Amino acid sequence: MIEISSPTQQDRIIELLTAINTDDVTFTFKEKKGISLYFETNASDLEEAAKIAKSAIKAEPWGTVLYFRSVPCN
């Protein structure tokens, strides 16, 4: 599971990550707690999954100026 923390653009983050299928890595939205969004992933390397999510968000026009955190979690 990975955690994305962002106070804004949460709906766009959910939409973006659930549409990803990069290198056979997928994300499924599980829950929201405050500013944290939790995603299940089929990736065996959670650090790499967090990096894929971060790169995908930063690639979006709205993501280039977004302050957020992407980390693995249990």
Protein backbone atom coordinates (compact mmCIF):
# COMPACT_ATOMS: atom_id res chain seq x y z
CA MET A 1 0.00 0.00 0.00
CA ILE A 2 1.17 3.55 -0.66
CA GLU A 3 0.07 6.84 0.87
CA ILE A 4 -0.30 10.09 -1.05
CA SER A 5 -0.67 13.13 1.17
CA SER A 6 -2.03 16.26 -0.50
CA PRO A 7 -4.39 18.93 0.78
CA THR A 8 -5.67 19.68 -2.74
CA GLN A 9 -6.42 17.93 -6.06
CA GLN A 10 -7.38 14.71 -4.28
CA ASP A 11 -10.09 13.77 -6.79
CA ARG A 12 -7.65 14.23 -9.66
CA ILE A 13 -5.00 12.15 -7.90
CA ILE A 14 -7.47 9.31 -7.37
CA GLU A 15 -8.60 9.47 -10.99
CA LEU A 16 -5.02 9.56 -12.29
CA LEU A 17 -3.60 6.74 -10.19
CA THR A 18 -6.50 4.34 -10.70
CA ALA A 19 -6.00 4.72 -14.46
CA ILE A 20 -2.28 3.85 -14.33
CA ASN A 21 -0.99 0.56 -15.72
CA THR A 22 2.74 1.24 -15.98
CA ASP A 23 5.09 -1.73 -16.13
CA ASP A 24 2.15 -3.87 -15.01
CA VAL A 25 1.82 -1.77 -11.83
CA THR A 26 -1.73 -0.81 -10.93
CA PHE A 27 -3.25 1.23 -8.10
CA THR A 28 -6.63 0.79 -6.41
CA PHE A 29 -8.00 3.54 -4.18
CA LYS A 30 -8.82 2.21 -0.71
CA GLU A 31 -9.56 5.11 1.63
CA LYS A 32 -9.09 8.73 2.56
CA LYS A 33 -8.05 9.91 6.03
CA GLY A 34 -7.69 13.68 6.32
CA ILE A 35 -5.27 14.76 3.61
CA SER A 36 -3.96 11.20 3.09
CA LEU A 37 -5.11 8.95 0.27
CA TYR A 38 -4.33 5.22 0.47
CA PHE A 39 -3.85 3.02 -2.57
CA GLU A 40 -3.36 -0.73 -2.84
CA THR A 41 -0.86 -1.74 -5.50
CA ASN A 42 0.16 -4.99 -7.11
CA ALA A 43 3.81 -3.88 -7.16
CA SER A 44 6.21 -6.02 -5.16
CA ASP A 45 8.50 -3.02 -4.55
CA LEU A 46 6.48 -0.37 -2.69
CA GLU A 47 9.28 2.21 -2.96
CA GLU A 48 9.14 1.89 -6.74
CA ALA A 49 5.34 2.10 -6.71
CA ALA A 50 5.53 5.34 -4.70
CA LYS A 51 8.02 6.72 -7.25
CA ILE A 52 5.74 5.76 -10.16
CA ALA A 53 2.82 7.53 -8.48
CA LYS A 54 4.92 10.63 -7.79
CA SER A 55 6.19 10.77 -11.37
CA ALA A 56 2.67 10.41 -12.75
CA ILE A 57 1.37 13.25 -10.60
CA LYS A 58 4.34 15.52 -11.44
CA ALA A 59 3.75 14.84 -15.17
CA GLU A 60 0.31 16.46 -15.00
CA PRO A 61 0.01 20.24 -15.56
CA TRP A 62 -1.73 20.62 -12.20
CA GLY A 63 0.83 18.35 -10.53
CA THR A 64 3.89 20.43 -11.34
CA VAL A 65 2.92 23.01 -8.69
CA LEU A 66 1.30 20.61 -6.24
CA TYR A 67 2.83 20.07 -2.81
CA PHE A 68 2.38 16.40 -1.93
CA ARG A 69 4.10 13.34 -0.47
CA SER A 70 4.17 9.82 -1.89
CA VAL A 71 5.44 7.06 0.42
CA PRO A 72 5.02 3.33 0.99
CA CYS A 73 3.02 2.31 4.07
CA ASN A 74 1.67 -0.81 5.73
